Amino acid sequence: MSGKTILITGGAGFIGANFINQFFESYPHYKIVNLDKLTYAADLKNIIDPGVSQYEFVEGDINDSSLLQKLFEQHNFSGVINFAAESHVDNSIKGPEEFVKTNLNGTFNLLHRSYLQWMDGPHQVKAGYEHCRFHQISTDEVYGSLGATGLFSEKTAYAPNSPYSATKAGADFLVRSYFHTFGLNVVTTNCSNNYGPFQNREKLIPVIIEKALSNKAIPIYGDGKNIRDWLFVRDHCSAICSVFFKGSPGETYNIGGDEEKTNLDLCHTICNLLDEVKPRTDGENYAELIEFVSDRPGHDRRYAIDHSKLTSELGWQPNYTFEQGIRETVLWYVDRLSAG
């Protein structure tokens, strides 16, 4: 690569912060520039700063073309990993415009600036930039909803059902187009539902834990039988590294945890763990707080990932079982909420 500096966008968010912390453990010789808008879902306290020479934070928007040009010229990035995204489906239903701006327009700005920095024209890579790479972080939600059987593979047709997944799908297609039309070195990863430390409180698992510890009703959409494949965030981060460094240009790789759970089963698992590690003072079980609420509009029934391509081609495997990951996650939130 032309340098050892990578641009991470959205690095103060849940997955991005976990990735930065984990990346420096394995690749301490790299420098990271973390560009984040610092929306409500971001928190710089989640990042362990490895030192001034290795890490730099820039507050800014990926839709600020002038800022992107300045950063690319200043740091001469050898790679871009795009975590920046609006990701909460409920918010995309209430206000889809921000999702279009960040997920679609923002990805275009990053792609085009990478192209201008690394290439002289379509399929003409600048000398010294032959290994520069753009990595798009996407989601399994672009595939739509599965029936009772089957798995999403990289060949599954896109069928997004929410404004969130539609904007991520559009961004993925832009990434694909920059590979086929311009020859930009890109890879895309589509992951299943992440969980772990630092996740924003709006997401399902933090909601369950926080409501339970507050002795408030735990809301579960519909009948609670919607199924998701759960992926511990550290496994996701290790898979991203595998694809970023070893994936084939232009390819997509699915990342899953092999852990399908209904929302209701997930909730009961968390409640049982809380009964063990922090019992209710009234002696009741936390599961008594579960309350079914009106279903989300267009709520996909089931997601499940086939990650065999990633496993067979790059040798990645999840390191955490769901039991290990969810226990670590619950304990982290209990400590955090207990500390105020």
Protein backbone atom coordinates (compact mmCIF):
# COMPACT_ATOMS: atom_id res chain seq x y z
CA MET A 1 0.00 0.00 0.00
CA SER A 2 1.01 3.61 -0.47
CA GLY A 3 0.91 4.18 3.27
CA LYS A 4 -0.15 2.67 6.57
CA THR A 5 -2.99 5.03 7.42
CA ILE A 6 -6.61 3.90 7.21
CA LEU A 7 -9.71 6.07 7.28
CA ILE A 8 -12.40 4.65 9.55
CA THR A 9 -15.76 6.37 9.21
CA GLY A 10 -18.28 6.08 12.02
CA GLY A 11 -15.58 4.83 14.36
CA ALA A 12 -17.24 6.23 17.47
CA GLY A 13 -20.29 4.05 16.95
CA PHE A 14 -20.90 0.58 18.36
CA ILE A 15 -19.17 -1.62 15.78
CA GLY A 16 -16.65 1.01 14.69
CA ALA A 17 -15.36 1.61 18.22
CA ASN A 18 -15.05 -2.10 18.89
CA PHE A 19 -13.20 -2.47 15.59
CA ILE A 20 -10.69 0.30 16.36
CA ASN A 21 -9.93 -1.15 19.79
CA GLN A 22 -9.48 -4.64 18.37
CA PHE A 23 -7.57 -3.52 15.27
CA PHE A 24 -4.78 -1.90 17.23
CA GLU A 25 -4.24 -5.12 19.18
CA SER A 26 -3.36 -6.96 15.95
CA TYR A 27 -2.02 -4.17 13.73
CA PRO A 28 -0.20 -1.67 15.99
CA HIS A 29 1.96 -0.40 13.10
CA TYR A 30 -1.05 1.16 11.36
CA LYS A 31 -2.46 4.61 11.97
CA ILE A 32 -6.20 5.20 12.04
CA VAL A 33 -8.00 8.43 11.32
CA ASN A 34 -11.49 8.17 12.78
CA LEU A 35 -14.02 10.43 11.05
CA ASP A 36 -17.31 10.59 12.92
CA LYS A 37 -20.20 13.04 12.97
CA LEU A 38 -20.82 12.25 16.65
CA THR A 39 -24.55 11.70 16.40
CA TYR A 40 -26.57 10.42 19.36
CA ALA A 41 -25.32 6.86 18.73
CA ALA A 42 -21.61 7.74 18.99
CA ASP A 43 -19.43 7.93 22.08
CA LEU A 44 -15.71 8.66 21.98
CA LYS A 45 -15.31 7.17 25.47
CA ASN A 46 -15.72 3.74 23.87
CA ILE A 47 -12.36 4.04 22.11
CA ILE A 48 -9.09 3.19 23.81
CA ASP A 49 -6.69 5.79 22.39
CA PRO A 50 -3.42 3.94 21.59
CA GLY A 51 -1.39 7.13 21.34
CA VAL A 52 -1.18 10.39 19.41
CA SER A 53 1.06 8.93 16.72
CA GLN A 54 -1.31 6.04 15.93
CA TYR A 55 -4.76 7.53 16.23
CA GLU A 56 -6.46 10.75 15.24
CA PHE A 57 -10.09 11.70 15.67
CA VAL A 58 -11.80 14.13 13.30
CA GLU A 59 -15.33 15.31 13.96
CA GLY A 60 -17.08 15.65 10.63
CA ASP A 61 -19.63 14.42 8.12
CA ILE A 62 -18.92 12.03 5.24
CA ASN A 63 -21.15 14.32 3.17
CA ASP A 64 -18.62 17.14 3.58
CA SER A 65 -16.72 16.74 0.28
CA SER A 66 -14.22 19.48 1.11
CA LEU A 67 -13.31 17.82 4.39
CA LEU A 68 -12.88 14.45 2.69
CA GLN A 69 -10.58 15.96 0.08
CA LYS A 70 -8.50 17.62 2.79
CA LEU A 71 -8.19 14.41 4.80
CA PHE A 72 -7.26 12.27 1.80
CA GLU A 73 -4.61 14.74 0.68
CA GLN A 74 -3.22 15.16 4.19
CA HIS A 75 -3.07 11.48 5.17
CA ASN A 76 -2.80 9.70 1.82
CA PHE A 77 -5.01 6.85 3.03
CA SER A 78 -4.20 3.31 2.00
CA GLY A 79 -7.68 2.11 2.89
CA VAL A 80 -11.19 3.17 3.85
CA ILE A 81 -13.54 1.14 6.04
CA ASN A 82 -16.99 2.67 6.01
CA PHE A 83 -18.92 2.02 9.21
CA ALA A 84 -20.75 5.35 9.08
CA ALA A 85 -24.48 4.73 8.89
CA GLU A 86 -27.86 5.50 10.32
CA SER A 87 -28.93 2.01 11.36
CA HIS A 88 -32.04 1.95 13.55
CA VAL A 89 -35.00 0.66 11.54
CA ASP A 90 -37.60 2.41 13.71
CA ASN A 91 -35.87 5.74 13.11
CA SER A 92 -35.79 5.09 9.36
CA ILE A 93 -39.57 4.67 9.42
CA LYS A 94 -40.07 7.94 11.32
CA GLY A 95 -37.49 9.97 9.38
CA PRO A 96 -35.98 8.31 6.32
CA GLU A 97 -34.29 11.44 4.93
CA GLU A 98 -31.25 11.19 7.22
CA PHE A 99 -30.78 7.59 6.13
CA VAL A 100 -30.66 8.63 2.48
CA LYS A 101 -28.15 11.38 3.26
CA THR A 102 -25.75 9.28 5.32
CA ASN A 103 -26.11 5.75 4.00
CA LEU A 104 -26.46 6.52 0.29
CA ASN A 105 -25.06 9.99 -0.43
CA GLY A 106 -22.31 9.64 2.16
CA THR A 107 -21.12 6.34 0.72
CA PHE A 108 -21.01 7.92 -2.74
CA ASN A 109 -18.84 10.78 -1.46
CA LEU A 110 -16.39 8.35 0.13
CA LEU A 111 -16.25 6.15 -2.96
CA HIS A 112 -15.67 9.02 -5.34
CA ARG A 113 -13.00 10.63 -3.19
CA SER A 114 -11.21 7.26 -2.95
CA TYR A 115 -11.40 6.93 -6.73
CA LEU A 116 -9.97 10.42 -7.28
CA GLN A 117 -7.14 9.80 -4.81
CA TRP A 118 -6.11 6.34 -5.95
CA MET A 119 -6.80 6.28 -9.68
CA ASP A 120 -6.00 8.32 -12.80
CA GLY A 121 -9.14 7.11 -14.58
CA PRO A 122 -11.31 4.03 -15.06
CA HIS A 123 -9.17 0.94 -14.47
CA GLN A 124 -6.01 3.08 -14.25
CA VAL A 125 -4.55 2.74 -10.77
CA LYS A 126 -1.94 5.33 -9.78
CA ALA A 127 1.55 4.00 -9.17
CA GLY A 128 1.96 3.13 -5.50
CA TYR A 129 -1.79 2.78 -4.91
CA GLU A 130 -2.23 -0.73 -6.28
CA HIS A 131 -3.33 -2.21 -2.96
CA CYS A 132 -5.51 0.60 -1.63
CA ARG A 133 -8.94 -0.70 -0.73
CA PHE A 134 -12.47 0.52 0.05
CA HIS A 135 -14.42 -1.72 2.45
CA GLN A 136 -18.18 -1.24 2.73
CA ILE A 137 -19.80 -2.44 5.95
CA SER A 138 -23.33 -3.57 5.13
CA THR A 139 -26.12 -5.66 6.61
CA ASP A 140 -28.09 -8.83 6.01
CA GLU A 141 -31.25 -6.71 5.99
CA VAL A 142 -30.63 -5.84 2.33
CA TYR A 143 -31.74 -9.39 1.47
CA GLY A 144 -35.24 -8.95 2.86
CA SER A 145 -36.97 -11.69 4.83
CA LEU A 146 -36.52 -15.46 4.87
CA GLY A 147 -39.14 -18.13 5.31
CA ALA A 148 -38.87 -20.89 7.89
CA THR A 149 -35.88 -22.46 6.11
CA GLY A 150 -32.91 -21.34 4.04
CA LEU A 151 -30.01 -18.95 4.49
CA PHE A 152 -28.87 -15.69 2.92
CA SER A 153 -25.86 -16.25 0.67
CA GLU A 154 -23.86 -13.79 -1.38
CA LYS A 155 -26.00 -14.82 -4.37
CA THR A 156 -29.31 -13.99 -2.68
CA ALA A 157 -31.15 -11.24 -4.56
CA TYR A 158 -31.52 -7.95 -2.72
CA ALA A 159 -35.06 -7.24 -1.49
CA PRO A 160 -34.87 -4.53 1.20
CA ASN A 161 -38.08 -3.85 3.11
CA SER A 162 -37.33 -0.75 5.20
CA PRO A 163 -35.91 2.69 4.41
CA TYR A 164 -32.82 1.67 6.38
CA SER A 165 -32.15 -1.50 4.40
CA ALA A 166 -33.08 0.20 1.12
CA THR A 167 -30.43 2.88 1.62
CA LYS A 168 -27.84 0.28 2.59
CA ALA A 169 -28.75 -1.75 -0.51
CA GLY A 170 -28.36 1.33 -2.68
CA ALA A 171 -24.94 2.00 -1.15
CA ASP A 172 -23.87 -1.58 -1.82
CA PHE A 173 -24.85 -1.18 -5.47
CA LEU A 174 -22.80 2.01 -5.70
CA VAL A 175 -19.79 0.15 -4.30
CA ARG A 176 -20.32 -2.61 -6.86
CA SER A 177 -20.56 -0.05 -9.66
CA TYR A 178 -17.26 1.58 -8.72
CA PHE A 179 -15.59 -1.80 -9.04
CA HIS A 180 -17.10 -2.78 -12.39
CA THR A 181 -17.10 0.66 -14.03
CA PHE A 182 -13.96 2.23 -12.57
CA GLY A 183 -11.92 -0.73 -11.31
CA LEU A 184 -11.81 0.59 -7.75
CA ASN A 185 -10.55 -2.05 -5.31
CA VAL A 186 -13.63 -2.65 -3.16
CA VAL A 187 -15.00 -5.35 -0.87
CA THR A 188 -18.37 -5.53 0.88
CA THR A 189 -19.39 -7.42 4.00
CA ASN A 190 -22.99 -8.12 4.97
CA CYS A 191 -23.35 -9.03 8.61
CA SER A 192 -26.12 -10.42 10.78
CA ASN A 193 -27.36 -8.78 13.99
CA ASN A 194 -24.46 -7.63 16.15
CA TYR A 195 -24.42 -7.52 19.94
CA GLY A 196 -21.83 -6.75 22.59
CA PRO A 197 -20.35 -3.92 24.68
CA PHE A 198 -20.88 -0.28 23.66
CA GLN A 199 -24.11 -0.85 21.72
CA ASN A 200 -26.50 2.09 21.78
CA ARG A 201 -29.40 1.80 24.22
CA GLU A 202 -31.99 1.97 21.40
CA LYS A 203 -31.14 -1.56 20.19
CA LEU A 204 -32.98 -4.68 21.34
CA ILE A 205 -30.48 -6.25 23.75
CA PRO A 206 -29.62 -3.02 25.61
CA VAL A 207 -33.34 -2.20 25.77
CA ILE A 208 -34.11 -5.56 27.37
CA ILE A 209 -31.33 -5.19 29.95
CA GLU A 210 -32.07 -1.58 30.82
CA LYS A 211 -35.83 -2.08 31.11
CA ALA A 212 -35.34 -5.17 33.23
CA LEU A 213 -32.90 -3.53 35.64
CA SER A 214 -35.30 -0.58 35.96
CA ASN A 215 -38.20 -2.96 36.73
CA LYS A 216 -40.07 -1.60 33.72
CA ALA A 217 -42.03 -3.47 31.05
CA ILE A 218 -39.75 -5.14 28.48
CA PRO A 219 -41.34 -4.46 25.07
CA ILE A 220 -41.31 -7.27 22.49
CA TYR A 221 -42.73 -6.62 19.02
CA GLY A 222 -45.65 -8.74 17.79
CA ASP A 223 -45.57 -12.35 18.93
CA GLY A 224 -41.83 -12.31 19.62
CA LYS A 225 -41.15 -15.04 17.07
CA ASN A 226 -39.12 -12.94 14.63
CA ILE A 227 -35.78 -14.72 14.19
CA ARG A 228 -32.33 -13.16 13.94
CA ASP A 229 -28.84 -14.63 13.56
CA TRP A 230 -26.78 -13.11 16.37
CA LEU A 231 -23.10 -12.24 15.87
CA PHE A 232 -20.83 -11.16 18.72
CA VAL A 233 -19.24 -7.86 17.78
CA ARG A 234 -15.67 -9.10 18.31
CA ASP A 235 -16.24 -11.93 15.86
CA HIS A 236 -17.59 -9.40 13.38
CA CYS A 237 -14.47 -7.25 13.81
CA SER A 238 -12.13 -10.19 13.22
CA ALA A 239 -14.07 -11.07 10.06
CA ILE A 240 -13.78 -7.50 8.80
CA CYS A 241 -10.00 -7.68 9.20
CA SER A 242 -9.91 -10.96 7.29
CA VAL A 243 -11.86 -9.50 4.39
CA PHE A 244 -10.06 -6.15 4.36
CA PHE A 245 -6.63 -7.76 4.17
CA LYS A 246 -7.34 -11.00 2.31
CA GLY A 247 -10.63 -10.67 0.43
CA SER A 248 -10.72 -10.69 -3.37
CA PRO A 249 -11.39 -7.32 -5.06
CA GLY A 250 -15.01 -6.75 -5.98
CA GLU A 251 -16.28 -9.59 -3.81
CA THR A 252 -18.98 -9.69 -1.15
CA TYR A 253 -18.65 -11.79 1.99
CA ASN A 254 -21.46 -12.61 4.41
CA ILE A 255 -20.65 -12.67 8.14
CA GLY A 256 -22.90 -14.58 10.52
CA GLY A 257 -22.75 -16.06 13.98
CA ASP A 258 -24.61 -19.35 13.40
CA GLU A 259 -26.86 -18.37 16.31
CA GLU A 260 -30.52 -18.09 15.30
CA LYS A 261 -32.82 -16.95 18.11
CA THR A 262 -36.38 -15.70 18.26
CA ASN A 263 -36.67 -12.33 19.93
CA LEU A 264 -38.66 -13.95 22.71
CA ASP A 265 -36.05 -16.66 23.32
CA LEU A 266 -33.34 -14.01 23.34
CA CYS A 267 -35.28 -12.03 25.91
CA HIS A 268 -35.76 -15.06 28.15
CA THR A 269 -32.03 -15.86 27.94
CA ILE A 270 -31.14 -12.35 29.07
CA CYS A 271 -33.74 -12.39 31.84
CA ASN A 272 -32.39 -15.70 33.13
CA LEU A 273 -28.85 -14.31 33.19
CA LEU A 274 -30.03 -11.24 35.07
CA ASP A 275 -31.86 -13.46 37.56
CA GLU A 276 -28.49 -15.09 38.19
CA VAL A 277 -26.14 -12.09 38.33
CA LYS A 278 -28.44 -9.35 39.68
CA PRO A 279 -31.69 -10.77 41.12
CA ARG A 280 -34.71 -8.51 41.55
CA THR A 281 -35.16 -7.19 45.07
CA ASP A 282 -38.81 -8.27 45.10
CA GLY A 283 -37.86 -11.88 44.43
CA GLU A 284 -39.70 -12.05 41.09
CA ASN A 285 -38.14 -13.20 37.83
CA TYR A 286 -37.26 -10.59 35.19
CA ALA A 287 -39.24 -12.53 32.57
CA GLU A 288 -42.40 -11.41 34.36
CA LEU A 289 -41.71 -7.94 32.91
CA ILE A 290 -42.04 -9.08 29.26
CA GLU A 291 -44.84 -7.25 27.45
CA PHE A 292 -45.91 -7.75 23.83
CA VAL A 293 -46.44 -4.53 21.87
CA SER A 294 -47.73 -3.68 18.39
CA ASP A 295 -45.46 -5.02 15.68
CA ARG A 296 -43.11 -2.79 13.70
CA PRO A 297 -44.43 -1.91 10.19
CA GLY A 298 -42.86 -4.21 7.59
CA HIS A 299 -41.08 -6.25 10.26
CA ASP A 300 -39.00 -8.95 8.53
CA ARG A 301 -39.72 -12.39 9.95
CA ARG A 302 -36.40 -14.17 9.77
CA TYR A 303 -32.75 -13.50 8.91
CA ALA A 304 -30.03 -16.13 8.78
CA ILE A 305 -26.57 -15.99 7.21
CA ASP A 306 -24.54 -18.53 5.27
CA HIS A 307 -20.91 -17.52 5.85
CA SER A 308 -19.37 -20.56 4.15
CA LYS A 309 -17.72 -18.41 1.47
CA LEU A 310 -15.87 -16.41 4.12
CA THR A 311 -14.93 -19.59 5.95
CA SER A 312 -13.76 -21.57 2.94
CA GLU A 313 -11.91 -18.77 1.14
CA LEU A 314 -10.43 -16.82 4.03
CA GLY A 315 -10.49 -19.31 6.91
CA TRP A 316 -12.61 -17.21 9.29
CA GLN A 317 -14.72 -18.78 12.02
CA PRO A 318 -16.62 -17.27 14.96
CA ASN A 319 -14.62 -17.55 18.18
CA TYR A 320 -17.48 -16.90 20.58
CA THR A 321 -20.50 -19.05 21.28
CA PHE A 322 -23.73 -17.20 21.91
CA GLU A 323 -23.61 -18.29 25.56
CA GLN A 324 -20.16 -16.73 25.98
CA GLY A 325 -20.98 -13.55 24.12
CA ILE A 326 -24.33 -12.84 25.73
CA ARG A 327 -22.97 -13.43 29.23
CA GLU A 328 -20.10 -11.01 28.61
CA THR A 329 -22.55 -8.50 27.16
CA VAL A 330 -25.01 -8.73 30.04
CA LEU A 331 -22.24 -8.38 32.63
CA TRP A 332 -20.86 -5.34 30.81
CA TYR A 333 -24.24 -3.60 30.82
CA VAL A 334 -24.93 -4.51 34.43
CA ASP A 335 -21.60 -2.93 35.46
CA ARG A 336 -22.22 0.12 33.27
CA LEU A 337 -25.77 0.72 34.48
CA SER A 338 -24.80 0.09 38.11
CA ALA A 339 -22.11 2.75 37.79
CA GLY A 340 -24.68 5.23 36.49
